[in-house]
Structure formats: C-alpha cells, structure tokens
Amino acid sequence: MAMLRSRGQHQTQSGGHSLNKSYQALFESRRSGSDMTSQRNIFAFLSMALFVALLLVIHSHSSNCDKSASAMRKSSSCEITFSEYKGHQYYNKESGSVGTPKCLVESKWMKLSQHNVKFPGSNTVFDDWLWIDYHDRINVLVEDQRVSGEERKFLVFEQSKYALEGRQSLAIIGGVIEPGEEAENAARREVAEEMNGLQCANFHFLGRYRTDVNRGMGWVNSFLATNCSRDQKAKSFGIDEKDEVGAPDTERQDLTSITLSRLKEASRNGEFLEVQWTATVALALMHPEIEAAQ
C-alpha cells in the first residue's frame, strides 16, 4: 500500500512536472513568436526607412544634376567658369576645325578651349589643340594738339604691366572692343577716356592683325589718331561702365608728350616692350600722314 501510495505521488509529481514543462514550452513558444513578430516589425520599419532615405537621395541627386546641367548650359559647358564670356568664338572649317570644341575655362575676358584640328590635306587630327578666344582690341597712337611752328608731338604713357618683369615701357592706348561695338568707335571711346577729353578728328585705320596665329587671342585693330584738340564736353559713347568688359588700368601710368623724332628713336630702340604697341607705332610712322611731316 505504501509502495502504491509512493508510486502515485511520484506519478502526480511527474505529471505536474510535465504539465509545468508544457506550460513553460507554450509560454516560450508564445514569447518566441512575439519576439519574431517584433523583429519582423522592426525589420519592416527599417526597410521602409531605408527605402524613404533612398528616395530622398535619388531626388536630391536628380535635383543637383538638374542644377548642374543648368549651370553647365549657362556656362557653355565649361569645366571652370568665373563669369560668362560674351565675345566672338572661333571655329573655321577651312582652317581645320573639326568636331566640337571643349570649353575648359572661361571668364568675361576670355575662353580657353580644347579644339580638334585637322589640317587640309592631312589625315592627322590634333585633339589637344588649346585655343584662346579673347575680345578683339584696339591700339591707337595719338597725336598731341598741334602748335604752330613746333615739331609734331605724340602722346604716350610711361608704365609697367604685370607681364613686363618689373620693367618700364613706353605704351600707347589699348583697349577691348566691347560686344557689339565697332573698332573705330572703341578707339574713339578709349582716346576720350584715357586722354582727359582729347577729341581727334581723324582716325586712320592701320589694319587688323591676329595676335597669335596658332592659339588665337583675338585680333588687334591699329589706328593713328590725328588733328586732335582738347574738348571739355566729352562725347558719350553709350556704354554703361558696369557692362564694360575692359577695366581701367590699375597700374600707374604717366602720360607724356614726345616729339616725332623722339618717337622714331624709341621705336628703333625697342622702348615699346609689347609687340602690339611696337607694330602700331611702326605702322603709324609709315603712314602718309606722318611721312609727309618728316
């Protein structure tokens, strides 16, 4: 009997333990299921957040691309743009231009581009031909107001420039032809601006010359200005200073009047250190207007 009672108690305890294990397993199962559900919810939330973030990145990239494309269009697709160049841009098939030039750098002064060049009669294409578009310019040798009985005189500057290695040079008037402006009008405007209201009746055109036959740098239009006089009522040329490409000289320049004999001597001795100045002075000295006075 005692043995049966003991067995019964043991079975009861075993049954209790089994029941407890069942409840515990069920609880663990529910907790595990709850944890899995939570994990799935967290994973779904993170996936959604990642998707939204991805959409924002794509939208931002697309917006930036649109802005970049717009900026590139405005800057003529230049890799570096300081400001827009509005001057003439050279492309000439007869000289060998092929393909589309690639703009590298531009400012209001100039544009540096990579051209493709194939010379007539050749099969070779040069795809690294660097070319500089630059505003056309004027150079003017200006005669001073004449005094009866005296040798004719001419107005020149004594100055230095950034590229002249600190040396002093004689110089004549030079300046940019503004977009839409005629060369002679630019010459007259520059004379009026730089010669303190001096007005010249005659502007003798001495020719139009390429600055660099391989790399461009615009064209120079040379003039000789004669029959000049002081006029306190300076003529307006209708160009707003804020729209001018050419800027006033920042280097010091001293205006002086020299005789024709001194001008010829300075030209022979190479005292005009820029080749454009030298060429314009030499051309002026050969002009009939000056030769007649020698």
C-alpha atoms as a PDB file:
ATOM      1  CA  MET A   1       0.000   0.000   0.000  1.00  0.00           C
ATOM      2  CA  ALA A   2       2.774   2.339   0.969  1.00  0.00           C
ATOM      3  CA  MET A   3       4.501   1.422  -2.242  1.00  0.00           C
ATOM      4  CA  LEU A   4       1.372   2.196  -4.274  1.00  0.00           C
ATOM      5  CA  ARG A   5       0.957   5.467  -2.440  1.00  0.00           C
ATOM      6  CA  SER A   6       4.564   6.370  -3.200  1.00  0.00           C
ATOM      7  CA  ARG A   7       4.128   5.466  -6.856  1.00  0.00           C
ATOM      8  CA  GLY A   8       1.010   7.602  -7.019  1.00  0.00           C
ATOM      9  CA  GLN A   9       2.773  10.557  -5.504  1.00  0.00           C
ATOM     10  CA  HIS A  10       5.644  10.074  -7.917  1.00  0.00           C
ATOM     11  CA  GLN A  11       3.271   9.925 -10.888  1.00  0.00           C
ATOM     12  CA  THR A  12       1.470  13.007  -9.621  1.00  0.00           C
ATOM     13  CA  GLN A  13       4.749  14.881  -9.276  1.00  0.00           C
ATOM     14  CA  SER A  14       5.860  13.657 -12.708  1.00  0.00           C
ATOM     15  CA  GLY A  15       2.578  14.742 -14.189  1.00  0.00           C
ATOM     16  CA  GLY A  16       2.933  18.111 -12.512  1.00  0.00           C
ATOM     17  CA  HIS A  17       6.419  18.486 -13.852  1.00  0.00           C
ATOM     18  CA  SER A  18       5.244  17.530 -17.338  1.00  0.00           C
ATOM     19  CA  LEU A  19       2.377  19.995 -17.138  1.00  0.00           C
ATOM     20  CA  ASN A  20       4.713  22.730 -15.975  1.00  0.00           C
ATOM     21  CA  LYS A  21       7.072  21.935 -18.837  1.00  0.00           C
ATOM     22  CA  SER A  22       4.169  22.087 -21.267  1.00  0.00           C
ATOM     23  CA  TYR A  23       3.042  25.466 -19.933  1.00  0.00           C
ATOM     24  CA  GLN A  24       6.652  26.673 -19.999  1.00  0.00           C
ATOM     25  CA  ALA A  25       7.110  25.438 -23.569  1.00  0.00           C
ATOM     26  CA  LEU A  26       3.865  27.089 -24.593  1.00  0.00           C
ATOM     27  CA  PHE A  27       4.949  30.329 -22.914  1.00  0.00           C
ATOM     28  CA  GLU A  28       8.352  30.175 -24.533  1.00  0.00           C
ATOM     29  CA  SER A  29       6.714  29.479 -27.853  1.00  0.00           C
ATOM     30  CA  ARG A  30       4.412  32.471 -27.470  1.00  0.00           C
ATOM     31  CA  ARG A  31       7.273  34.657 -26.321  1.00  0.00           C
ATOM     32  CA  SER A  32       9.391  33.433 -29.221  1.00  0.00           C
ATOM     33  CA  GLY A  33       6.543  34.142 -31.609  1.00  0.00           C
ATOM     34  CA  SER A  34       6.093  37.574 -30.084  1.00  0.00           C
ATOM     35  CA  ASP A  35       9.818  38.245 -30.434  1.00  0.00           C
ATOM     36  CA  MET A  36       9.754  37.121 -34.061  1.00  0.00           C
ATOM     37  CA  THR A  37       6.771  39.371 -34.711  1.00  0.00           C
ATOM     38  CA  SER A  38       8.606  42.278 -33.111  1.00  0.00           C
ATOM     39  CA  GLN A  39      11.693  41.508 -35.155  1.00  0.00           C
ATOM     40  CA  ARG A  40       9.616  41.384 -38.311  1.00  0.00           C
ATOM     41  CA  ASN A  41       8.018  44.705 -37.420  1.00  0.00           C
ATOM     42  CA  ILE A  42      11.403  46.284 -36.735  1.00  0.00           C
ATOM     43  CA  PHE A  43      12.804  44.867 -39.974  1.00  0.00           C
ATOM     44  CA  ALA A  44       9.807  46.187 -41.903  1.00  0.00           C
ATOM     45  CA  PHE A  45      10.209  49.619 -40.302  1.00  0.00           C
ATOM     46  CA  LEU A  46      13.931  49.734 -41.078  1.00  0.00           C
ATOM     47  CA  SER A  47      13.281  48.613 -44.645  1.00  0.00           C
ATOM     48  CA  MET A  48      10.699  51.347 -45.095  1.00  0.00           C
ATOM     49  CA  ALA A  49      13.038  53.956 -43.581  1.00  0.00           C
ATOM     50  CA  LEU A  50      15.857  52.809 -45.857  1.00  0.00           C
ATOM     51  CA  PHE A  51      13.553  52.973 -48.874  1.00  0.00           C
ATOM     52  CA  VAL A  52      12.439  56.511 -47.994  1.00  0.00           C
ATOM     53  CA  ALA A  53      16.049  57.571 -47.453  1.00  0.00           C
ATOM     54  CA  LEU A  54      16.973  56.075 -50.817  1.00  0.00           C
ATOM     55  CA  LEU A  55      14.164  58.002 -52.500  1.00  0.00           C
ATOM     56  CA  LEU A  56      15.373  61.228 -50.876  1.00  0.00           C
ATOM     57  CA  VAL A  57      18.939  60.588 -52.050  1.00  0.00           C
ATOM     58  CA  ILE A  58      17.754  59.883 -55.600  1.00  0.00           C
ATOM     59  CA  HIS A  59      15.603  63.021 -55.599  1.00  0.00           C
ATOM     60  CA  SER A  60      18.450  65.131 -54.226  1.00  0.00           C
ATOM     61  CA  HIS A  61      20.885  63.721 -56.787  1.00  0.00           C
ATOM     62  CA  SER A  62      18.408  64.343 -59.583  1.00  0.00           C
ATOM     63  CA  SER A  63      17.859  67.911 -58.382  1.00  0.00           C
ATOM     64  CA  ASN A  64      21.593  68.533 -58.153  1.00  0.00           C
ATOM     65  CA  CYS A  65      22.075  67.065 -61.623  1.00  0.00           C
ATOM     66  CA  ASP A  66      19.399  69.395 -62.969  1.00  0.00           C
ATOM     67  CA  LYS A  67      21.080  72.360 -61.291  1.00  0.00           C
ATOM     68  CA  SER A  68      24.480  71.272 -62.542  1.00  0.00           C
ATOM     69  CA  ALA A  69      23.135  70.782 -66.040  1.00  0.00           C
ATOM     70  CA  SER A  70      21.554  74.213 -65.914  1.00  0.00           C
ATOM     71  CA  ALA A  71      24.790  75.760 -64.685  1.00  0.00           C
ATOM     72  CA  MET A  72      26.723  73.932 -67.388  1.00  0.00           C
ATOM     73  CA  ARG A  73      24.345  75.218 -70.029  1.00  0.00           C
ATOM     74  CA  LYS A  74      24.708  78.750 -68.752  1.00  0.00           C
ATOM     75  CA  SER A  75      28.494  78.449 -68.792  1.00  0.00           C
ATOM     76  CA  SER A  76      28.574  76.832 -72.249  1.00  0.00           C
ATOM     77  CA  SER A  77      29.560  73.554 -70.595  1.00  0.00           C
ATOM     78  CA  CYS A  78      32.847  74.945 -69.297  1.00  0.00           C
ATOM     79  CA  GLU A  79      34.629  72.886 -66.671  1.00  0.00           C
ATOM     80  CA  ILE A  80      35.566  76.071 -64.785  1.00  0.00           C
ATOM     81  CA  THR A  81      33.571  79.289 -65.087  1.00  0.00           C
ATOM     82  CA  PHE A  82      34.404  82.581 -63.372  1.00  0.00           C
ATOM     83  CA  SER A  83      31.932  84.582 -65.440  1.00  0.00           C
ATOM     84  CA  GLU A  84      30.380  84.363 -68.891  1.00  0.00           C
ATOM     85  CA  TYR A  85      32.500  85.132 -71.939  1.00  0.00           C
ATOM     86  CA  LYS A  86      30.422  87.098 -74.468  1.00  0.00           C
ATOM     87  CA  GLY A  87      32.997  87.677 -77.169  1.00  0.00           C
ATOM     88  CA  HIS A  88      33.498  86.011 -80.546  1.00  0.00           C
ATOM     89  CA  GLN A  89      34.266  82.268 -80.520  1.00  0.00           C
ATOM     90  CA  TYR A  90      36.444  80.954 -83.303  1.00  0.00           C
ATOM     91  CA  TYR A  91      35.524  77.896 -85.387  1.00  0.00           C
ATOM     92  CA  ASN A  92      36.654  77.674 -89.005  1.00  0.00           C
ATOM     93  CA  LYS A  93      36.362  74.525 -91.112  1.00  0.00           C
ATOM     94  CA  GLU A  94      38.576  75.971 -93.847  1.00  0.00           C
ATOM     95  CA  SER A  95      41.410  76.283 -91.312  1.00  0.00           C
ATOM     96  CA  GLY A  96      40.873  72.755 -89.994  1.00  0.00           C
ATOM     97  CA  SER A  97      38.278  72.939 -87.215  1.00  0.00           C
ATOM     98  CA  VAL A  98      36.506  69.591 -86.740  1.00  0.00           C
ATOM     99  CA  GLY A  99      34.193  68.211 -84.083  1.00  0.00           C
ATOM    100  CA  THR A 100      33.001  70.266 -81.136  1.00  0.00           C
ATOM    101  CA  PRO A 101      35.406  72.367 -79.023  1.00  0.00           C
ATOM    102  CA  LYS A 102      35.507  71.530 -75.317  1.00  0.00           C
ATOM    103  CA  CYS A 103      35.473  74.563 -73.041  1.00  0.00           C
ATOM    104  CA  LEU A 104      37.951  74.288 -70.171  1.00  0.00           C
ATOM    105  CA  VAL A 105      37.967  77.724 -68.503  1.00  0.00           C
ATOM    106  CA  GLU A 106      36.083  80.943 -69.152  1.00  0.00           C
ATOM    107  CA  SER A 107      35.800  84.425 -67.691  1.00  0.00           C
ATOM    108  CA  LYS A 108      34.426  87.693 -69.036  1.00  0.00           C
ATOM    109  CA  TRP A 109      37.853  88.285 -70.579  1.00  0.00           C
ATOM    110  CA  MET A 110      38.496  85.044 -72.436  1.00  0.00           C
ATOM    111  CA  LYS A 111      37.657  81.397 -73.020  1.00  0.00           C
ATOM    112  CA  LEU A 112      40.206  78.577 -73.098  1.00  0.00           C
ATOM    113  CA  SER A 113      39.014  75.595 -75.151  1.00  0.00           C
ATOM    114  CA  GLN A 114      40.325  72.266 -76.385  1.00  0.00           C
ATOM    115  CA  HIS A 115      39.885  72.155 -80.169  1.00  0.00           C
ATOM    116  CA  ASN A 116      40.128  69.295 -82.637  1.00  0.00           C
ATOM    117  CA  VAL A 117      42.178  70.360 -85.648  1.00  0.00           C
ATOM    118  CA  LYS A 118      42.684  68.532 -88.934  1.00  0.00           C
ATOM    119  CA  PHE A 119      44.695  70.490 -91.462  1.00  0.00           C
ATOM    120  CA  PRO A 120      43.632  70.348 -95.115  1.00  0.00           C
ATOM    121  CA  GLY A 121      45.439  67.539 -96.938  1.00  0.00           C
ATOM    122  CA  SER A 122      46.333  65.714 -93.711  1.00  0.00           C
ATOM    123  CA  ASN A 123      44.762  62.666 -92.048  1.00  0.00           C
ATOM    124  CA  THR A 124      46.062  63.575 -88.598  1.00  0.00           C
ATOM    125  CA  VAL A 125      43.633  65.037 -86.069  1.00  0.00           C
ATOM    126  CA  PHE A 126      45.135  67.024 -83.202  1.00  0.00           C
ATOM    127  CA  ASP A 127      42.708  66.552 -80.316  1.00  0.00           C
ATOM    128  CA  ASP A 128      44.690  68.571 -77.757  1.00  0.00           C
ATOM    129  CA  TRP A 129      44.846  71.896 -79.577  1.00  0.00           C
ATOM    130  CA  LEU A 130      44.458  74.578 -76.916  1.00  0.00           C
ATOM    131  CA  TRP A 131      42.757  77.709 -78.183  1.00  0.00           C
ATOM    132  CA  ILE A 132      42.095  81.074 -76.517  1.00  0.00           C
ATOM    133  CA  ASP A 133      39.112  83.176 -77.563  1.00  0.00           C
ATOM    134  CA  TYR A 134      39.766  86.757 -76.496  1.00  0.00           C
ATOM    135  CA  HIS A 135      37.961  90.013 -77.157  1.00  0.00           C
ATOM    136  CA  ASP A 136      39.232  91.946 -80.167  1.00  0.00           C
ATOM    137  CA  ARG A 137      41.169  95.048 -79.185  1.00  0.00           C
ATOM    138  CA  ILE A 138      42.287  98.438 -80.458  1.00  0.00           C
ATOM    139  CA  ASN A 139      45.683 100.150 -80.305  1.00  0.00           C
ATOM    140  CA  VAL A 140      45.912 103.876 -81.030  1.00  0.00           C
ATOM    141  CA  LEU A 141      48.891 106.164 -81.476  1.00  0.00           C
ATOM    142  CA  VAL A 142      47.532 109.621 -80.651  1.00  0.00           C
ATOM    143  CA  GLU A 143      48.903 112.884 -81.971  1.00  0.00           C
ATOM    144  CA  ASP A 144      49.054 115.702 -79.446  1.00  0.00           C
ATOM    145  CA  GLN A 145      47.369 119.016 -80.160  1.00  0.00           C
ATOM    146  CA  ARG A 146      49.484 120.827 -82.745  1.00  0.00           C
ATOM    147  CA  VAL A 147      51.307 124.065 -82.015  1.00  0.00           C
ATOM    148  CA  SER A 148      52.188 126.218 -84.991  1.00  0.00           C
ATOM    149  CA  GLY A 149      55.909 126.256 -85.783  1.00  0.00           C
ATOM    150  CA  GLU A 150      56.748 123.322 -83.493  1.00  0.00           C
ATOM    151  CA  GLU A 151      57.607 119.724 -84.321  1.00  0.00           C
ATOM    152  CA  ARG A 152      54.592 117.437 -84.190  1.00  0.00           C
ATOM    153  CA  LYS A 153      54.185 115.574 -80.932  1.00  0.00           C
ATOM    154  CA  PHE A 154      52.528 112.353 -79.813  1.00  0.00           C
ATOM    155  CA  LEU A 155      51.023 111.210 -76.525  1.00  0.00           C
ATOM    156  CA  VAL A 156      52.410 108.068 -74.910  1.00  0.00           C
ATOM    157  CA  PHE A 157      52.389 106.501 -71.462  1.00  0.00           C
ATOM    158  CA  GLU A 158      55.333 105.558 -69.288  1.00  0.00           C
ATOM    159  CA  GLN A 159      54.264 102.494 -67.335  1.00  0.00           C
ATOM    160  CA  SER A 160      54.793  98.888 -66.380  1.00  0.00           C
ATOM    161  CA  LYS A 161      52.499  95.893 -66.756  1.00  0.00           C
ATOM    162  CA  TYR A 162      52.123  92.573 -64.933  1.00  0.00           C
ATOM    163  CA  ALA A 163      53.959  90.570 -67.624  1.00  0.00           C
ATOM    164  CA  LEU A 164      56.833  93.027 -68.142  1.00  0.00           C
ATOM    165  CA  GLU A 165      59.030  91.606 -65.368  1.00  0.00           C
ATOM    166  CA  GLY A 166      59.007  94.881 -63.451  1.00  0.00           C
ATOM    167  CA  ARG A 167      60.446  96.857 -66.385  1.00  0.00           C
ATOM    168  CA  GLN A 168      59.221 100.275 -67.500  1.00  0.00           C
ATOM    169  CA  SER A 169      57.913 100.683 -71.032  1.00  0.00           C
ATOM    170  CA  LEU A 170      56.546 103.315 -73.330  1.00  0.00           C
ATOM    171  CA  ALA A 171      52.973 102.492 -74.287  1.00  0.00           C
ATOM    172  CA  ILE A 172      50.113 103.681 -76.451  1.00  0.00           C
ATOM    173  CA  ILE A 173      46.384 103.435 -75.925  1.00  0.00           C
ATOM    174  CA  GLY A 174      44.934  99.942 -75.948  1.00  0.00           C
ATOM    175  CA  GLY A 175      41.539  98.576 -75.016  1.00  0.00           C
ATOM    176  CA  VAL A 176      38.852  95.973 -75.561  1.00  0.00           C
ATOM    177  CA  ILE A 177      36.223  96.342 -78.262  1.00  0.00           C
ATOM    178  CA  GLU A 178      33.027  95.850 -76.300  1.00  0.00           C
ATOM    179  CA  PRO A 179      30.480  93.321 -77.647  1.00  0.00           C
ATOM    180  CA  GLY A 180      28.534  94.949 -80.495  1.00  0.00           C
ATOM    181  CA  GLU A 181      30.927  97.902 -80.732  1.00  0.00           C
ATOM    182  CA  GLU A 182      32.732  98.924 -83.932  1.00  0.00           C
ATOM    183  CA  ALA A 183      36.521  99.101 -83.843  1.00  0.00           C
ATOM    184  CA  GLU A 184      36.743 102.819 -84.655  1.00  0.00           C
ATOM    185  CA  ASN A 185      34.101 103.685 -82.061  1.00  0.00           C
ATOM    186  CA  ALA A 186      36.106 101.732 -79.494  1.00  0.00           C
ATOM    187  CA  ALA A 187      39.240 103.644 -80.494  1.00  0.00           C
ATOM    188  CA  ARG A 188      37.469 106.995 -80.146  1.00  0.00           C
ATOM    189  CA  ARG A 189      35.998 105.983 -76.789  1.00  0.00           C
ATOM    190  CA  GLU A 190      39.355 104.857 -75.392  1.00  0.00           C
ATOM    191  CA  VAL A 191      41.046 108.084 -76.509  1.00  0.00           C
ATOM    192  CA  ALA A 192      38.340 110.178 -74.842  1.00  0.00           C
ATOM    193  CA  GLU A 193      38.568 108.112 -71.632  1.00  0.00           C
ATOM    194  CA  GLU A 194      42.348 107.932 -71.306  1.00  0.00           C
ATOM    195  CA  MET A 195      43.413 111.275 -72.773  1.00  0.00           C
ATOM    196  CA  ASN A 196      41.345 113.505 -70.499  1.00  0.00           C
ATOM    197  CA  GLY A 197      38.726 114.519 -73.045  1.00  0.00           C
ATOM    198  CA  LEU A 198      41.005 114.757 -76.074  1.00  0.00           C
ATOM    199  CA  GLN A 199      38.986 114.616 -79.300  1.00  0.00           C
ATOM    200  CA  CYS A 200      40.616 113.651 -82.603  1.00  0.00           C
ATOM    201  CA  ALA A 201      39.110 114.490 -85.983  1.00  0.00           C
ATOM    202  CA  ASN A 202      40.798 111.703 -87.931  1.00  0.00           C
ATOM    203  CA  PHE A 203      41.280 108.037 -87.105  1.00  0.00           C
ATOM    204  CA  HIS A 204      43.437 106.377 -89.746  1.00  0.00           C
ATOM    205  CA  PHE A 205      42.909 102.620 -89.817  1.00  0.00           C
ATOM    206  CA  LEU A 206      46.249 100.784 -89.987  1.00  0.00           C
ATOM    207  CA  GLY A 207      44.943  97.224 -90.225  1.00  0.00           C
ATOM    208  CA  ARG A 208      43.537  94.266 -88.308  1.00  0.00           C
ATOM    209  CA  TYR A 209      46.014  91.623 -87.117  1.00  0.00           C
ATOM    210  CA  ARG A 210      45.790  88.252 -85.367  1.00  0.00           C
ATOM    211  CA  THR A 211      47.618  88.268 -82.032  1.00  0.00           C
ATOM    212  CA  ASP A 212      48.698  84.604 -82.121  1.00  0.00           C
ATOM    213  CA  VAL A 213      48.213  82.645 -85.352  1.00  0.00           C
ATOM    214  CA  ASN A 214      48.190  79.263 -83.571  1.00  0.00           C
ATOM    215  CA  ARG A 215      46.406  79.987 -80.286  1.00  0.00           C
ATOM    216  CA  GLY A 216      44.117  82.899 -81.128  1.00  0.00           C
ATOM    217  CA  MET A 217      43.985  85.653 -78.502  1.00  0.00           C
ATOM    218  CA  GLY A 218      41.717  87.802 -80.667  1.00  0.00           C
ATOM    219  CA  TRP A 219      42.522  90.462 -83.248  1.00  0.00           C
ATOM    220  CA  VAL A 220      44.192  93.845 -82.822  1.00  0.00           C
ATOM    221  CA  ASN A 221      42.900  96.840 -84.784  1.00  0.00           C
ATOM    222  CA  SER A 222      45.556  99.553 -85.110  1.00  0.00           C
ATOM    223  CA  PHE A 223      44.816 103.263 -85.555  1.00  0.00           C
ATOM    224  CA  LEU A 224      46.624 106.563 -85.899  1.00  0.00           C
ATOM    225  CA  ALA A 225      44.630 109.490 -84.451  1.00  0.00           C
ATOM    226  CA  THR A 226      45.463 112.965 -85.791  1.00  0.00           C
ATOM    227  CA  ASN A 227      44.156 116.548 -85.714  1.00  0.00           C
ATOM    228  CA  CYS A 228      43.350 116.348 -82.027  1.00  0.00           C
ATOM    229  CA  SER A 229      42.213 119.047 -79.617  1.00  0.00           C
ATOM    230  CA  ARG A 230      41.046 119.371 -76.042  1.00  0.00           C
ATOM    231  CA  ASP A 231      37.294 119.309 -75.575  1.00  0.00           C
ATOM    232  CA  GLN A 232      35.823 119.759 -72.126  1.00  0.00           C
ATOM    233  CA  LYS A 233      32.489 118.381 -73.340  1.00  0.00           C
ATOM    234  CA  ALA A 234      33.487 114.761 -73.671  1.00  0.00           C
ATOM    235  CA  LYS A 235      31.351 112.727 -76.028  1.00  0.00           C
ATOM    236  CA  SER A 236      29.233 109.934 -74.562  1.00  0.00           C
ATOM    237  CA  PHE A 237      29.608 106.552 -76.229  1.00  0.00           C
ATOM    238  CA  GLY A 238      26.522 104.937 -74.690  1.00  0.00           C
ATOM    239  CA  ILE A 239      28.331 102.181 -72.794  1.00  0.00           C
ATOM    240  CA  ASP A 240      27.493 101.666 -69.134  1.00  0.00           C
ATOM    241  CA  GLU A 241      30.654 101.227 -67.062  1.00  0.00           C
ATOM    242  CA  LYS A 242      29.155  98.282 -65.206  1.00  0.00           C
ATOM    243  CA  ASP A 243      28.676  96.474 -68.524  1.00  0.00           C
ATOM    244  CA  GLU A 244      32.188  97.159 -69.815  1.00  0.00           C
ATOM    245  CA  VAL A 245      34.484  94.171 -70.261  1.00  0.00           C
ATOM    246  CA  GLY A 246      37.563  96.396 -70.269  1.00  0.00           C
ATOM    247  CA  ALA A 247      38.544  97.700 -66.865  1.00  0.00           C
ATOM    248  CA  PRO A 248      40.514 100.864 -66.085  1.00  0.00           C
ATOM    249  CA  ASP A 249      44.259 100.326 -65.791  1.00  0.00           C
ATOM    250  CA  THR A 250      45.216  99.577 -62.202  1.00  0.00           C
ATOM    251  CA  GLU A 251      48.946 100.048 -62.782  1.00  0.00           C
ATOM    252  CA  ARG A 252      50.385 103.539 -62.554  1.00  0.00           C
ATOM    253  CA  GLN A 253      50.807 105.205 -65.938  1.00  0.00           C
ATOM    254  CA  ASP A 254      52.236 108.649 -66.612  1.00  0.00           C
ATOM    255  CA  LEU A 255      51.050 110.465 -69.724  1.00  0.00           C
ATOM    256  CA  THR A 256      53.753 112.345 -71.583  1.00  0.00           C
ATOM    257  CA  SER A 257      54.109 114.160 -74.888  1.00  0.00           C
ATOM    258  CA  ILE A 258      57.136 113.345 -77.075  1.00  0.00           C
ATOM    259  CA  THR A 259      58.302 114.735 -80.405  1.00  0.00           C
ATOM    260  CA  LEU A 260      58.157 112.814 -83.654  1.00  0.00           C
ATOM    261  CA  SER A 261      61.955 112.498 -83.597  1.00  0.00           C
ATOM    262  CA  ARG A 262      61.855 111.006 -80.095  1.00  0.00           C
ATOM    263  CA  LEU A 263      59.046 108.650 -81.123  1.00  0.00           C
ATOM    264  CA  LYS A 264      61.108 107.299 -84.021  1.00  0.00           C
ATOM    265  CA  GLU A 265      64.107 106.835 -81.748  1.00  0.00           C
ATOM    266  CA  ALA A 266      62.048 104.983 -79.123  1.00  0.00           C
ATOM    267  CA  SER A 267      60.612 102.703 -81.792  1.00  0.00           C
ATOM    268  CA  ARG A 268      64.072 101.848 -83.153  1.00  0.00           C
ATOM    269  CA  ASN A 269      65.445 101.203 -79.657  1.00  0.00           C
ATOM    270  CA  GLY A 270      62.649  98.834 -78.637  1.00  0.00           C
ATOM    271  CA  GLU A 271      61.295 101.037 -75.866  1.00  0.00           C
ATOM    272  CA  PHE A 272      57.729  99.848 -76.549  1.00  0.00           C
ATOM    273  CA  LEU A 273      58.008  96.436 -74.884  1.00  0.00           C
ATOM    274  CA  GLU A 274      54.753  94.953 -76.149  1.00  0.00           C
ATOM    275  CA  VAL A 275      54.791  93.782 -79.752  1.00  0.00           C
ATOM    276  CA  GLN A 276      51.326  95.230 -80.451  1.00  0.00           C
ATOM    277  CA  TRP A 277      52.449  98.689 -79.361  1.00  0.00           C
ATOM    278  CA  THR A 278      55.622  98.387 -81.425  1.00  0.00           C
ATOM    279  CA  ALA A 279      53.713  97.247 -84.513  1.00  0.00           C
ATOM    280  CA  THR A 280      51.137 100.035 -84.263  1.00  0.00           C
ATOM    281  CA  VAL A 281      53.803 102.721 -83.828  1.00  0.00           C
ATOM    282  CA  ALA A 282      55.832 101.350 -86.754  1.00  0.00           C
ATOM    283  CA  LEU A 283      52.751 101.261 -88.976  1.00  0.00           C
ATOM    284  CA  ALA A 284      51.859 104.818 -87.972  1.00  0.00           C
ATOM    285  CA  LEU A 285      55.350 106.091 -88.790  1.00  0.00           C
ATOM    286  CA  MET A 286      54.974 104.695 -92.308  1.00  0.00           C
ATOM    287  CA  HIS A 287      51.558 106.287 -92.820  1.00  0.00           C
ATOM    288  CA  PRO A 288      51.490 109.117 -95.412  1.00  0.00           C
ATOM    289  CA  GLU A 289      50.092 111.477 -92.767  1.00  0.00           C
ATOM    290  CA  ILE A 290      53.315 111.117 -90.751  1.00  0.00           C
ATOM    291  CA  GLU A 291      55.759 110.633 -93.599  1.00  0.00           C
ATOM    292  CA  ALA A 292      54.704 113.997 -95.031  1.00  0.00           C
ATOM    293  CA  ALA A 293      55.790 115.682 -91.805  1.00  0.00           C
ATOM    294  CA  GLN A 294      59.268 114.116 -91.739  1.00  0.00           C
END
